């Protein structure tokens, strides 16, 4: 499992992890949209809530995640749960279904850095590419002139999102404290991945040797 605040670089790290280790990447939000689009039973139930602007109940999302994790590819290759569970009830439900992670990665980024990353983000509506005014500026004046900002990428709204994220993380951390590894997400994406990679490598070695969890890396 991996957890990180908005703009912590979680999406990038998920890509790097799945590329190297071949894990099945499971993001609850993507799963929800795919189920709705496919018109599955869970998708139809979820759509009823989404159309009313309501949150999809835990039991529907948990069933979606459960069914995805039971598929042969996830069983064979292992899985990476992205930003889920977000509450102790979700974590408890997963445990009851027999899904327990070997590792809980927590990307730790300073709040000022997160706010700066989010507020500086811009979208090119033509290409769909994401830019950052400071860290990844547009290549030309023409592109710069057409960039847009997400309505919730303001300082006020990102601080509210961060507050919600921190509450969610605190709720689930107690469930996974014995397997939690905090990674400094203020570093470059390659340095962050190098830390995660070393922990995953060690986990694989310890599993081969039958020596249990990552005692040296516990947060």
N, C-alpha and C. Protein backbone atom coordinates (compact mmCIF):
# COMPACT_ATOMS: atom_id res chain seq x y z
N UNK A 1 0.85 -1.18 0.00
CA UNK A 1 0.00 0.00 0.00
C UNK A 1 0.88 1.24 0.00
N UNK A 2 0.41 2.27 -0.67
CA UNK A 2 1.16 3.54 -0.68
C UNK A 2 0.18 4.67 -0.38
N UNK A 3 0.62 5.60 0.45
CA UNK A 3 -0.21 6.73 0.82
C UNK A 3 0.61 8.01 0.69
N UNK A 4 -0.04 9.05 0.20
CA UNK A 4 0.65 10.33 0.07
C UNK A 4 -0.36 11.43 -0.17
N UNK A 5 -0.05 12.61 0.30
CA UNK A 5 -0.95 13.76 0.15
C UNK A 5 -1.02 14.18 -1.32
N UNK A 6 -2.00 15.03 -1.66
CA UNK A 6 -2.03 15.60 -3.01
C UNK A 6 -0.69 16.26 -3.34
N UNK A 7 -0.14 15.95 -4.51
CA UNK A 7 1.14 16.50 -5.00
C UNK A 7 2.35 15.95 -4.27
N UNK A 8 2.18 14.82 -3.59
CA UNK A 8 3.33 14.20 -2.91
C UNK A 8 4.20 13.40 -3.87
N UNK A 9 3.71 13.20 -5.09
CA UNK A 9 4.46 12.40 -6.07
C UNK A 9 4.06 10.94 -6.07
N UNK A 10 2.91 10.64 -5.43
CA UNK A 10 2.47 9.26 -5.29
C UNK A 10 2.23 8.59 -6.64
N UNK A 11 1.60 9.32 -7.56
CA UNK A 11 1.32 8.75 -8.88
C UNK A 11 2.59 8.36 -9.61
N UNK A 12 3.59 9.22 -9.54
CA UNK A 12 4.89 8.93 -10.18
C UNK A 12 5.53 7.70 -9.57
N UNK A 13 5.51 7.60 -8.25
CA UNK A 13 6.13 6.46 -7.58
C UNK A 13 5.38 5.16 -7.88
N UNK A 14 4.06 5.24 -8.00
CA UNK A 14 3.28 4.06 -8.38
C UNK A 14 3.71 3.55 -9.75
N UNK A 15 3.91 4.47 -10.69
CA UNK A 15 4.37 4.09 -12.03
C UNK A 15 5.72 3.40 -11.96
N UNK A 16 6.65 3.98 -11.22
CA UNK A 16 8.01 3.43 -11.13
C UNK A 16 8.01 2.06 -10.45
N UNK A 17 7.19 1.92 -9.41
CA UNK A 17 7.12 0.64 -8.69
C UNK A 17 6.54 -0.45 -9.59
N UNK A 18 5.43 -0.13 -10.28
CA UNK A 18 4.80 -1.15 -11.12
C UNK A 18 5.66 -1.51 -12.32
N UNK A 19 6.40 -0.53 -12.85
CA UNK A 19 7.30 -0.80 -13.98
C UNK A 19 8.37 -1.80 -13.58
N UNK A 20 8.96 -1.63 -12.41
CA UNK A 20 10.06 -2.49 -12.00
C UNK A 20 9.59 -3.83 -11.45
N UNK A 21 8.53 -3.81 -10.65
CA UNK A 21 8.15 -5.02 -9.92
C UNK A 21 6.95 -5.76 -10.52
N UNK A 22 6.30 -5.16 -11.52
CA UNK A 22 5.21 -5.85 -12.19
C UNK A 22 3.96 -6.05 -11.35
N UNK A 23 3.82 -5.26 -10.28
CA UNK A 23 2.63 -5.36 -9.43
C UNK A 23 1.40 -4.82 -10.16
N UNK A 24 0.24 -5.30 -9.77
CA UNK A 24 -1.01 -4.78 -10.32
C UNK A 24 -1.38 -3.52 -9.55
N UNK A 25 -1.43 -2.39 -10.26
CA UNK A 25 -1.70 -1.10 -9.64
C UNK A 25 -3.21 -0.93 -9.48
N UNK A 26 -3.67 -0.79 -8.25
CA UNK A 26 -5.10 -0.66 -7.98
C UNK A 26 -5.35 0.68 -7.28
N UNK A 27 -5.98 1.61 -8.00
CA UNK A 27 -6.36 2.90 -7.43
C UNK A 27 -7.89 2.93 -7.34
N UNK A 28 -8.42 3.13 -6.15
CA UNK A 28 -9.87 3.03 -5.93
C UNK A 28 -10.65 3.97 -6.85
N UNK A 29 -10.15 5.19 -7.05
CA UNK A 29 -10.86 6.15 -7.91
C UNK A 29 -10.95 5.65 -9.35
N UNK A 30 -9.82 5.15 -9.88
CA UNK A 30 -9.81 4.61 -11.25
C UNK A 30 -10.73 3.41 -11.35
N UNK A 31 -10.71 2.58 -10.32
CA UNK A 31 -11.54 1.37 -10.29
C UNK A 31 -13.02 1.74 -10.32
N UNK A 32 -13.36 2.75 -9.54
CA UNK A 32 -14.74 3.23 -9.47
C UNK A 32 -15.22 3.71 -10.84
N UNK A 33 -14.39 4.54 -11.49
CA UNK A 33 -14.78 5.06 -12.81
C UNK A 33 -14.90 3.93 -13.84
N UNK A 34 -13.99 2.96 -13.77
CA UNK A 34 -14.02 1.85 -14.72
C UNK A 34 -15.26 0.98 -14.51
N UNK A 35 -15.63 0.73 -13.26
CA UNK A 35 -16.81 -0.09 -12.96
C UNK A 35 -18.09 0.61 -13.43
N UNK A 36 -18.15 1.93 -13.24
CA UNK A 36 -19.31 2.69 -13.69
C UNK A 36 -19.40 2.64 -15.21
N UNK A 37 -18.27 2.84 -15.87
CA UNK A 37 -18.23 2.82 -17.34
C UNK A 37 -18.61 1.45 -17.89
N UNK A 38 -18.21 0.39 -17.18
CA UNK A 38 -18.49 -0.98 -17.64
C UNK A 38 -19.93 -1.41 -17.34
N UNK A 39 -20.60 -0.64 -16.47
CA UNK A 39 -21.98 -0.97 -16.13
C UNK A 39 -22.13 -2.21 -15.27
N UNK A 40 -21.10 -2.52 -14.47
CA UNK A 40 -21.16 -3.69 -13.57
C UNK A 40 -22.18 -3.43 -12.46
N UNK A 41 -22.50 -4.48 -11.72
CA UNK A 41 -23.45 -4.33 -10.61
C UNK A 41 -22.95 -3.29 -9.60
N UNK A 42 -21.67 -3.40 -9.21
CA UNK A 42 -21.10 -2.41 -8.29
C UNK A 42 -21.10 -1.03 -8.91
N UNK A 43 -20.80 -0.97 -10.21
CA UNK A 43 -20.77 0.30 -10.93
C UNK A 43 -22.13 0.97 -10.96
N UNK A 44 -23.17 0.18 -11.20
CA UNK A 44 -24.53 0.73 -11.23
C UNK A 44 -24.94 1.26 -9.86
N UNK A 45 -24.57 0.51 -8.83
CA UNK A 45 -24.90 0.96 -7.47
C UNK A 45 -24.15 2.25 -7.14
N UNK A 46 -22.87 2.30 -7.53
CA UNK A 46 -22.06 3.50 -7.25
C UNK A 46 -22.59 4.72 -7.99
N UNK A 47 -23.01 4.50 -9.23
CA UNK A 47 -23.48 5.62 -10.08
C UNK A 47 -24.67 6.32 -9.46
N UNK A 48 -25.54 5.56 -8.79
CA UNK A 48 -26.72 6.16 -8.15
C UNK A 48 -26.32 7.22 -7.12
N UNK A 49 -25.25 6.94 -6.39
CA UNK A 49 -24.78 7.90 -5.39
C UNK A 49 -24.04 9.06 -6.05
N UNK A 50 -23.22 8.73 -7.05
CA UNK A 50 -22.43 9.77 -7.72
C UNK A 50 -23.32 10.79 -8.43
N UNK A 51 -24.40 10.32 -9.02
CA UNK A 51 -25.31 11.23 -9.73
C UNK A 51 -26.02 12.19 -8.78
N UNK A 52 -26.12 11.79 -7.52
CA UNK A 52 -26.74 12.67 -6.51
C UNK A 52 -25.69 13.55 -5.82
N UNK A 53 -24.42 13.39 -6.25
CA UNK A 53 -23.35 14.17 -5.64
C UNK A 53 -22.96 13.66 -4.27
N UNK A 54 -23.30 12.39 -3.99
CA UNK A 54 -22.99 11.81 -2.68
C UNK A 54 -21.76 10.92 -2.77
N UNK A 55 -21.10 10.73 -1.62
CA UNK A 55 -19.96 9.82 -1.57
C UNK A 55 -20.45 8.38 -1.74
N UNK A 56 -19.68 7.61 -2.48
CA UNK A 56 -20.02 6.20 -2.66
C UNK A 56 -19.75 5.48 -1.33
N UNK A 57 -20.71 4.75 -0.79
CA UNK A 57 -20.52 4.08 0.51
C UNK A 57 -19.33 3.12 0.52
N UNK A 58 -18.73 3.01 1.68
CA UNK A 58 -17.56 2.14 1.87
C UNK A 58 -17.78 0.73 1.35
N UNK A 59 -18.97 0.16 1.66
CA UNK A 59 -19.15 -1.25 1.32
C UNK A 59 -19.09 -1.51 -0.19
N UNK A 60 -19.51 -0.51 -0.99
CA UNK A 60 -19.45 -0.67 -2.45
C UNK A 60 -18.01 -0.61 -2.92
N UNK A 61 -17.27 0.37 -2.42
CA UNK A 61 -15.86 0.53 -2.84
C UNK A 61 -15.04 -0.67 -2.38
N UNK A 62 -15.28 -1.12 -1.15
CA UNK A 62 -14.54 -2.27 -0.63
C UNK A 62 -14.78 -3.50 -1.50
N UNK A 63 -16.03 -3.70 -1.94
CA UNK A 63 -16.33 -4.86 -2.80
C UNK A 63 -15.62 -4.75 -4.14
N UNK A 64 -15.54 -3.52 -4.69
CA UNK A 64 -14.82 -3.32 -5.95
C UNK A 64 -13.34 -3.68 -5.78
N UNK A 65 -12.75 -3.18 -4.69
CA UNK A 65 -11.33 -3.45 -4.44
C UNK A 65 -11.13 -4.95 -4.21
N UNK A 66 -12.01 -5.56 -3.42
CA UNK A 66 -11.92 -6.99 -3.15
C UNK A 66 -11.93 -7.80 -4.45
N UNK A 67 -12.90 -7.50 -5.32
CA UNK A 67 -13.03 -8.26 -6.56
C UNK A 67 -11.80 -8.07 -7.46
N UNK A 68 -11.24 -6.84 -7.43
CA UNK A 68 -10.04 -6.60 -8.26
C UNK A 68 -8.84 -7.38 -7.71
N UNK A 69 -8.70 -7.40 -6.40
CA UNK A 69 -7.56 -8.09 -5.80
C UNK A 69 -7.66 -9.61 -5.90
N UNK A 70 -8.88 -10.11 -6.15
CA UNK A 70 -9.08 -11.55 -6.29
C UNK A 70 -8.80 -12.05 -7.72
N UNK A 71 -8.60 -11.12 -8.65
CA UNK A 71 -8.35 -11.55 -10.02
C UNK A 71 -6.99 -12.26 -10.11
N UNK A 72 -6.87 -13.19 -11.07
CA UNK A 72 -5.65 -14.00 -11.18
C UNK A 72 -4.35 -13.19 -11.29
N UNK A 73 -4.39 -12.05 -12.04
CA UNK A 73 -3.15 -11.29 -12.23
C UNK A 73 -2.66 -10.70 -10.91
N UNK A 74 -3.59 -10.24 -10.06
CA UNK A 74 -3.20 -9.68 -8.76
C UNK A 74 -2.68 -10.78 -7.84
N UNK A 75 -3.28 -11.95 -7.94
CA UNK A 75 -2.84 -13.08 -7.12
C UNK A 75 -1.45 -13.55 -7.55
N UNK A 76 -1.23 -13.55 -8.85
CA UNK A 76 0.05 -14.04 -9.38
C UNK A 76 1.19 -13.03 -9.20
N UNK A 77 0.92 -11.77 -9.53
CA UNK A 77 1.98 -10.76 -9.58
C UNK A 77 2.11 -9.92 -8.31
N UNK A 78 1.09 -9.98 -7.45
CA UNK A 78 1.08 -9.09 -6.29
C UNK A 78 0.38 -7.78 -6.66
N UNK A 79 0.05 -6.98 -5.65
CA UNK A 79 -0.70 -5.76 -5.92
C UNK A 79 -0.14 -4.56 -5.17
N UNK A 80 -0.44 -3.40 -5.73
CA UNK A 80 -0.07 -2.11 -5.13
C UNK A 80 -1.35 -1.30 -4.97
N UNK A 81 -1.82 -1.14 -3.73
CA UNK A 81 -3.02 -0.36 -3.48
C UNK A 81 -2.63 1.10 -3.32
N UNK A 82 -3.21 1.95 -4.15
CA UNK A 82 -2.83 3.35 -4.26
C UNK A 82 -3.85 4.23 -3.55
N UNK A 83 -3.42 4.82 -2.40
CA UNK A 83 -4.29 5.75 -1.69
C UNK A 83 -5.51 5.10 -1.06
N UNK A 84 -5.41 3.83 -0.78
CA UNK A 84 -6.53 3.09 -0.20
C UNK A 84 -5.95 2.01 0.70
N UNK A 85 -6.52 1.76 1.86
CA UNK A 85 -7.76 2.31 2.44
C UNK A 85 -7.57 3.71 3.00
N UNK A 86 -8.71 4.43 3.09
CA UNK A 86 -8.68 5.80 3.60
C UNK A 86 -9.36 5.93 4.96
N UNK A 87 -9.80 4.84 5.50
CA UNK A 87 -10.43 4.89 6.82
C UNK A 87 -10.17 3.57 7.53
N UNK A 88 -10.32 3.59 8.84
CA UNK A 88 -10.09 2.36 9.61
C UNK A 88 -11.12 1.30 9.25
N UNK A 89 -12.35 1.72 8.87
CA UNK A 89 -13.38 0.75 8.49
C UNK A 89 -13.01 0.06 7.18
N UNK A 90 -12.44 0.82 6.24
CA UNK A 90 -12.00 0.22 4.98
C UNK A 90 -10.84 -0.75 5.23
N UNK A 91 -9.91 -0.35 6.08
CA UNK A 91 -8.76 -1.20 6.40
C UNK A 91 -9.22 -2.48 7.09
N UNK A 92 -10.19 -2.34 8.00
CA UNK A 92 -10.72 -3.51 8.72
C UNK A 92 -11.41 -4.47 7.76
N UNK A 93 -12.20 -3.90 6.82
CA UNK A 93 -12.91 -4.74 5.85
C UNK A 93 -11.92 -5.52 4.98
N UNK A 94 -10.86 -4.86 4.54
CA UNK A 94 -9.85 -5.55 3.72
C UNK A 94 -9.21 -6.69 4.52
N UNK A 95 -8.92 -6.42 5.77
CA UNK A 95 -8.30 -7.45 6.62
C UNK A 95 -9.22 -8.64 6.79
N UNK A 96 -10.51 -8.36 6.95
CA UNK A 96 -11.49 -9.44 7.11
C UNK A 96 -11.59 -10.29 5.85
N UNK A 97 -11.34 -9.67 4.70
CA UNK A 97 -11.35 -10.41 3.44
C UNK A 97 -10.03 -11.16 3.19
N UNK A 98 -9.07 -10.94 4.09
CA UNK A 98 -7.80 -11.65 3.98
C UNK A 98 -6.72 -10.91 3.21
N UNK A 99 -6.95 -9.62 2.94
CA UNK A 99 -5.95 -8.83 2.20
C UNK A 99 -5.12 -8.01 3.18
N UNK A 100 -3.88 -8.43 3.39
CA UNK A 100 -2.99 -7.70 4.27
C UNK A 100 -1.70 -7.39 3.52
N UNK A 101 -1.28 -6.13 3.52
CA UNK A 101 -0.07 -5.76 2.78
C UNK A 101 1.20 -6.21 3.49
N UNK A 102 2.26 -6.35 2.73
CA UNK A 102 3.57 -6.62 3.30
C UNK A 102 4.24 -5.32 3.74
N UNK A 103 3.77 -4.22 3.14
CA UNK A 103 4.45 -2.93 3.34
C UNK A 103 3.44 -1.80 3.17
N UNK A 104 3.54 -0.78 4.05
CA UNK A 104 2.73 0.42 3.93
C UNK A 104 3.70 1.58 3.76
N UNK A 105 3.76 2.14 2.55
CA UNK A 105 4.69 3.24 2.24
C UNK A 105 3.97 4.56 2.44
N UNK A 106 4.56 5.42 3.26
CA UNK A 106 3.98 6.74 3.52
C UNK A 106 4.94 7.80 3.00
N UNK A 107 4.53 8.52 1.95
CA UNK A 107 5.36 9.60 1.40
C UNK A 107 5.17 10.84 2.28
N UNK A 108 6.25 11.28 2.88
CA UNK A 108 6.22 12.37 3.85
C UNK A 108 6.78 13.63 3.19
N UNK A 109 5.91 14.62 2.96
CA UNK A 109 6.33 15.86 2.30
C UNK A 109 5.88 17.05 3.14
N UNK A 110 6.75 18.05 3.28
CA UNK A 110 6.41 19.24 4.06
C UNK A 110 5.19 19.93 3.46
N UNK A 111 4.32 20.44 4.34
CA UNK A 111 3.07 21.04 3.85
C UNK A 111 3.33 22.25 2.94
N UNK A 112 4.31 23.06 3.26
CA UNK A 112 4.62 24.22 2.41
C UNK A 112 4.99 23.77 1.00
N UNK A 113 5.73 22.67 0.91
CA UNK A 113 6.13 22.14 -0.39
C UNK A 113 4.92 21.64 -1.17
N UNK A 114 4.02 20.94 -0.47
CA UNK A 114 2.81 20.42 -1.11
C UNK A 114 1.96 21.56 -1.67
N UNK A 115 1.79 22.61 -0.86
CA UNK A 115 0.98 23.76 -1.29
C UNK A 115 1.62 24.40 -2.52
N UNK A 116 2.94 24.58 -2.49
CA UNK A 116 3.64 25.18 -3.63
C UNK A 116 3.48 24.33 -4.89
N UNK A 117 3.60 23.02 -4.74
CA UNK A 117 3.46 22.11 -5.89
C UNK A 117 2.07 22.20 -6.50
N UNK A 118 1.05 22.25 -5.64
CA UNK A 118 -0.33 22.25 -6.13
C UNK A 118 -0.69 23.59 -6.75
N UNK A 119 -0.40 24.69 -6.04
CA UNK A 119 -0.81 26.01 -6.51
C UNK A 119 -0.13 26.38 -7.83
N UNK A 120 1.07 25.83 -8.06
CA UNK A 120 1.79 26.14 -9.29
C UNK A 120 1.43 25.25 -10.47
N UNK A 121 0.56 24.26 -10.27
CA UNK A 121 0.20 23.34 -11.35
C UNK A 121 -0.70 24.01 -12.38
N UNK A 122 -0.47 23.69 -13.64
CA UNK A 122 -1.30 24.19 -14.73
C UNK A 122 -1.53 23.07 -15.74
N UNK A 123 -2.67 23.12 -16.41
CA UNK A 123 -3.04 22.12 -17.40
C UNK A 123 -3.08 22.75 -18.79
N UNK A 124 -2.51 22.05 -19.77
CA UNK A 124 -2.65 22.46 -21.16
C UNK A 124 -3.90 21.77 -21.69
N UNK A 125 -5.00 22.54 -21.94
CA UNK A 125 -6.26 21.91 -22.37
C UNK A 125 -6.18 21.27 -23.76
N UNK A 126 -5.16 21.63 -24.52
CA UNK A 126 -5.01 21.06 -25.88
C UNK A 126 -4.37 19.68 -25.84
N UNK A 127 -3.27 19.55 -25.09
CA UNK A 127 -2.53 18.29 -25.06
C UNK A 127 -2.82 17.44 -23.82
N UNK A 128 -3.38 18.07 -22.78
CA UNK A 128 -3.63 17.34 -21.53
C UNK A 128 -2.40 17.26 -20.65
N UNK A 129 -1.29 17.86 -21.07
CA UNK A 129 -0.05 17.80 -20.29
C UNK A 129 -0.14 18.71 -19.07
N UNK A 130 0.44 18.23 -17.96
CA UNK A 130 0.48 19.02 -16.73
C UNK A 130 1.83 19.72 -16.62
N UNK A 131 1.79 21.02 -16.36
CA UNK A 131 3.01 21.81 -16.16
C UNK A 131 3.03 22.34 -14.73
N UNK A 132 4.19 22.86 -14.35
CA UNK A 132 4.31 23.59 -13.10
C UNK A 132 5.07 24.87 -13.40
N UNK A 133 4.53 26.00 -12.94
CA UNK A 133 5.11 27.30 -13.30
C UNK A 133 6.57 27.42 -12.88
N UNK A 134 6.94 26.73 -11.78
CA UNK A 134 8.33 26.81 -11.30
C UNK A 134 9.16 25.60 -11.71
N UNK A 135 8.62 24.40 -11.50
CA UNK A 135 9.43 23.19 -11.68
C UNK A 135 9.38 22.60 -13.09
N UNK A 136 8.32 22.88 -13.82
CA UNK A 136 8.20 22.33 -15.17
C UNK A 136 7.43 23.31 -16.04
N UNK A 137 8.04 24.47 -16.33
CA UNK A 137 7.34 25.53 -17.06
C UNK A 137 7.05 25.15 -18.52
N UNK A 138 6.05 25.78 -19.12
CA UNK A 138 5.72 25.49 -20.53
C UNK A 138 6.87 25.87 -21.47
N UNK A 139 6.94 25.14 -22.59
CA UNK A 139 8.06 25.32 -23.52
C UNK A 139 7.99 26.63 -24.31
N UNK A 140 6.77 27.09 -24.57
CA UNK A 140 6.63 28.29 -25.42
C UNK A 140 5.62 29.27 -24.80
N UNK A 141 5.67 30.51 -25.26
CA UNK A 141 4.71 31.53 -24.82
C UNK A 141 3.30 31.15 -25.26
N UNK A 142 3.19 30.52 -26.42
CA UNK A 142 1.88 30.11 -26.94
C UNK A 142 1.20 29.12 -25.98
N UNK A 143 1.98 28.15 -25.52
CA UNK A 143 1.43 27.17 -24.56
C UNK A 143 1.10 27.87 -23.25
N UNK A 144 2.00 28.73 -22.79
CA UNK A 144 1.79 29.43 -21.51
C UNK A 144 0.48 30.21 -21.51
N UNK A 145 0.15 30.79 -22.66
CA UNK A 145 -1.04 31.65 -22.76
C UNK A 145 -2.35 30.87 -22.63
N UNK A 146 -2.30 29.57 -22.93
CA UNK A 146 -3.55 28.80 -22.90
C UNK A 146 -3.69 27.89 -21.67
N UNK A 147 -2.71 27.92 -20.79
CA UNK A 147 -2.76 27.04 -19.61
C UNK A 147 -3.92 27.42 -18.69
N UNK A 148 -4.50 26.40 -18.06
CA UNK A 148 -5.59 26.62 -17.11
C UNK A 148 -5.22 26.01 -15.76
N UNK A 149 -5.92 26.46 -14.73
CA UNK A 149 -5.69 25.95 -13.38
C UNK A 149 -6.95 25.26 -12.88
N UNK A 150 -6.78 24.08 -12.27
CA UNK A 150 -7.92 23.38 -11.69
C UNK A 150 -8.56 24.25 -10.62
N UNK A 151 -9.90 24.20 -10.55
CA UNK A 151 -10.62 25.08 -9.62
C UNK A 151 -10.22 24.84 -8.16
N UNK A 152 -9.78 23.60 -7.84
CA UNK A 152 -9.43 23.33 -6.43
C UNK A 152 -7.93 23.37 -6.18
N UNK A 153 -7.16 23.86 -7.15
CA UNK A 153 -5.71 24.00 -6.96
C UNK A 153 -5.35 25.38 -6.39
N UNK A 154 -6.17 25.86 -5.49
CA UNK A 154 -5.87 27.13 -4.81
C UNK A 154 -5.32 26.81 -3.43
N UNK A 155 -4.65 27.77 -2.83
CA UNK A 155 -4.03 27.54 -1.53
C UNK A 155 -5.08 27.16 -0.48
N UNK A 156 -6.20 27.87 -0.49
CA UNK A 156 -7.25 27.61 0.50
C UNK A 156 -7.78 26.18 0.36
N UNK A 157 -8.08 25.78 -0.88
CA UNK A 157 -8.68 24.46 -1.10
C UNK A 157 -7.67 23.34 -0.87
N UNK A 158 -6.42 23.55 -1.25
CA UNK A 158 -5.44 22.48 -1.05
C UNK A 158 -5.19 22.25 0.44
N UNK A 159 -5.25 23.30 1.24
CA UNK A 159 -5.07 23.13 2.68
C UNK A 159 -6.22 22.33 3.30
N UNK A 160 -7.42 22.51 2.78
CA UNK A 160 -8.56 21.71 3.23
C UNK A 160 -8.36 20.25 2.84
N UNK A 161 -7.88 20.03 1.59
CA UNK A 161 -7.64 18.66 1.12
C UNK A 161 -6.54 17.98 1.94
N UNK A 162 -5.53 18.76 2.31
CA UNK A 162 -4.43 18.21 3.12
C UNK A 162 -4.92 17.84 4.52
N UNK A 163 -5.80 18.65 5.06
CA UNK A 163 -6.35 18.37 6.39
C UNK A 163 -7.12 17.05 6.36
N UNK A 164 -7.95 16.87 5.32
CA UNK A 164 -8.71 15.63 5.16
C UNK A 164 -7.77 14.45 4.99
N UNK A 165 -6.72 14.64 4.18
CA UNK A 165 -5.75 13.56 3.95
C UNK A 165 -5.08 13.13 5.25
N UNK A 166 -4.65 14.10 6.05
CA UNK A 166 -3.95 13.79 7.30
C UNK A 166 -4.87 13.01 8.26
N UNK A 167 -6.14 13.40 8.30
CA UNK A 167 -7.10 12.69 9.15
C UNK A 167 -7.25 11.24 8.67
N UNK A 168 -7.34 11.06 7.35
CA UNK A 168 -7.48 9.72 6.78
C UNK A 168 -6.27 8.85 7.11
N UNK A 169 -5.08 9.43 6.95
CA UNK A 169 -3.84 8.68 7.18
C UNK A 169 -3.75 8.26 8.64
N UNK A 170 -4.04 9.18 9.53
CA UNK A 170 -3.97 8.86 10.97
C UNK A 170 -4.91 7.70 11.31
N UNK A 171 -6.06 7.67 10.62
CA UNK A 171 -7.05 6.62 10.91
C UNK A 171 -6.56 5.23 10.53
N UNK A 172 -5.72 5.15 9.48
CA UNK A 172 -5.28 3.82 9.02
C UNK A 172 -3.87 3.45 9.50
N UNK A 173 -3.08 4.44 9.87
CA UNK A 173 -1.70 4.16 10.26
C UNK A 173 -1.60 3.18 11.43
N UNK A 174 -2.53 3.30 12.37
CA UNK A 174 -2.47 2.42 13.55
C UNK A 174 -2.64 0.96 13.15
N UNK A 175 -3.35 0.73 12.03
CA UNK A 175 -3.57 -0.65 11.56
C UNK A 175 -2.29 -1.26 10.98
N UNK A 176 -1.43 -0.37 10.43
CA UNK A 176 -0.27 -0.86 9.69
C UNK A 176 1.06 -0.40 10.29
N UNK A 177 1.03 0.03 11.54
CA UNK A 177 2.23 0.64 12.11
C UNK A 177 3.45 -0.29 12.09
N UNK A 178 3.22 -1.59 12.18
CA UNK A 178 4.34 -2.53 12.20
C UNK A 178 5.01 -2.71 10.84
N UNK A 179 4.33 -2.28 9.78
CA UNK A 179 4.92 -2.46 8.44
C UNK A 179 5.04 -1.13 7.69
N UNK A 180 4.93 -0.02 8.43
CA UNK A 180 4.98 1.30 7.80
C UNK A 180 6.42 1.77 7.61
N UNK A 181 6.71 2.27 6.42
CA UNK A 181 7.99 2.90 6.13
C UNK A 181 7.72 4.31 5.63
N UNK A 182 8.21 5.31 6.37
CA UNK A 182 8.08 6.70 5.92
C UNK A 182 9.22 7.03 4.97
N UNK A 183 8.88 7.62 3.84
CA UNK A 183 9.88 7.99 2.85
C UNK A 183 9.83 9.50 2.66
N UNK A 184 10.99 10.14 2.68
CA UNK A 184 11.08 11.59 2.50
C UNK A 184 10.72 11.96 1.07
N UNK A 185 9.50 12.48 0.89
CA UNK A 185 9.02 12.82 -0.44
C UNK A 185 9.44 14.20 -0.91
N UNK A 186 10.26 14.91 -0.10
CA UNK A 186 10.75 16.23 -0.52
C UNK A 186 11.89 16.09 -1.53
N UNK A 187 12.45 14.89 -1.66
CA UNK A 187 13.58 14.65 -2.56
C UNK A 187 13.11 14.54 -4.00
N UNK A 188 14.07 14.40 -4.92
CA UNK A 188 13.72 14.21 -6.33
C UNK A 188 13.02 12.87 -6.50
N UNK A 189 12.27 12.72 -7.60
CA UNK A 189 11.50 11.48 -7.79
C UNK A 189 12.42 10.27 -7.85
N UNK A 190 13.62 10.43 -8.42
CA UNK A 190 14.55 9.30 -8.49
C UNK A 190 15.11 8.92 -7.13
N UNK A 191 15.37 9.93 -6.29
CA UNK A 191 15.87 9.65 -4.94
C UNK A 191 14.79 9.01 -4.08
N UNK A 192 13.54 9.47 -4.26
CA UNK A 192 12.43 8.86 -3.52
C UNK A 192 12.28 7.40 -3.92
N UNK A 193 12.34 7.15 -5.24
CA UNK A 193 12.20 5.76 -5.71
C UNK A 193 13.36 4.89 -5.25
N UNK A 194 14.54 5.46 -5.18
CA UNK A 194 15.71 4.68 -4.74
C UNK A 194 15.48 4.16 -3.32
N UNK A 195 14.87 4.97 -2.46
CA UNK A 195 14.57 4.54 -1.09
C UNK A 195 13.52 3.44 -1.09
N UNK A 196 12.44 3.67 -1.85
CA UNK A 196 11.37 2.66 -1.93
C UNK A 196 11.91 1.36 -2.51
N UNK A 197 12.72 1.49 -3.55
CA UNK A 197 13.31 0.33 -4.23
C UNK A 197 14.16 -0.50 -3.26
N UNK A 198 14.95 0.19 -2.44
CA UNK A 198 15.82 -0.54 -1.51
C UNK A 198 15.00 -1.28 -0.46
N UNK A 199 13.89 -0.66 -0.02
CA UNK A 199 13.02 -1.31 0.97
C UNK A 199 12.34 -2.53 0.35
N UNK A 200 11.85 -2.39 -0.89
CA UNK A 200 11.21 -3.52 -1.57
C UNK A 200 12.21 -4.64 -1.84
N UNK A 201 13.41 -4.27 -2.22
CA UNK A 201 14.47 -5.27 -2.43
C UNK A 201 14.74 -6.05 -1.15
N UNK A 202 14.83 -5.31 -0.05
CA UNK A 202 15.10 -5.94 1.24
C UNK A 202 13.95 -6.86 1.64
N UNK A 203 12.72 -6.40 1.38
CA UNK A 203 11.55 -7.21 1.69
C UNK A 203 11.59 -8.54 0.93
N UNK A 204 11.94 -8.46 -0.35
CA UNK A 204 12.03 -9.68 -1.17
C UNK A 204 13.11 -10.61 -0.63
N UNK A 205 14.25 -10.03 -0.26
CA UNK A 205 15.35 -10.84 0.28
C UNK A 205 14.95 -11.51 1.60
N UNK A 206 14.28 -10.73 2.45
CA UNK A 206 13.85 -11.27 3.74
C UNK A 206 12.79 -12.35 3.56
N UNK A 207 11.93 -12.14 2.56
CA UNK A 207 10.91 -13.16 2.30
C UNK A 207 11.57 -14.46 1.84
N UNK A 208 12.57 -14.34 0.96
CA UNK A 208 13.29 -15.53 0.50
C UNK A 208 13.96 -16.25 1.68
N UNK A 209 14.49 -15.42 2.60
CA UNK A 209 15.20 -16.00 3.75
C UNK A 209 14.24 -16.39 4.88
N UNK A 210 12.96 -15.96 4.73
CA UNK A 210 11.96 -16.31 5.74
C UNK A 210 12.15 -15.58 7.04
N UNK A 211 12.69 -14.35 6.97
CA UNK A 211 13.01 -13.65 8.22
C UNK A 211 12.04 -12.53 8.57
N UNK A 212 10.89 -12.52 7.95
CA UNK A 212 9.85 -11.58 8.40
C UNK A 212 9.95 -10.20 7.81
N UNK A 213 9.46 -9.22 8.56
CA UNK A 213 9.28 -7.86 8.04
C UNK A 213 10.54 -7.01 8.16
N UNK A 214 10.37 -5.77 7.78
CA UNK A 214 11.48 -4.84 7.65
C UNK A 214 11.79 -4.13 8.97
N UNK A 215 12.35 -4.85 9.87
CA UNK A 215 12.58 -4.28 11.20
C UNK A 215 13.40 -2.99 11.15
N UNK A 216 14.40 -2.97 10.30
CA UNK A 216 15.32 -1.83 10.28
C UNK A 216 14.69 -0.58 9.69
N UNK A 217 13.60 -0.74 8.90
CA UNK A 217 13.06 0.39 8.20
C UNK A 217 11.74 0.89 8.77
N UNK A 218 11.30 0.32 9.87
CA UNK A 218 10.02 0.76 10.42
C UNK A 218 10.05 2.25 10.75
N UNK A 219 8.93 2.89 10.50
CA UNK A 219 8.84 4.33 10.79
C UNK A 219 8.79 4.54 12.30
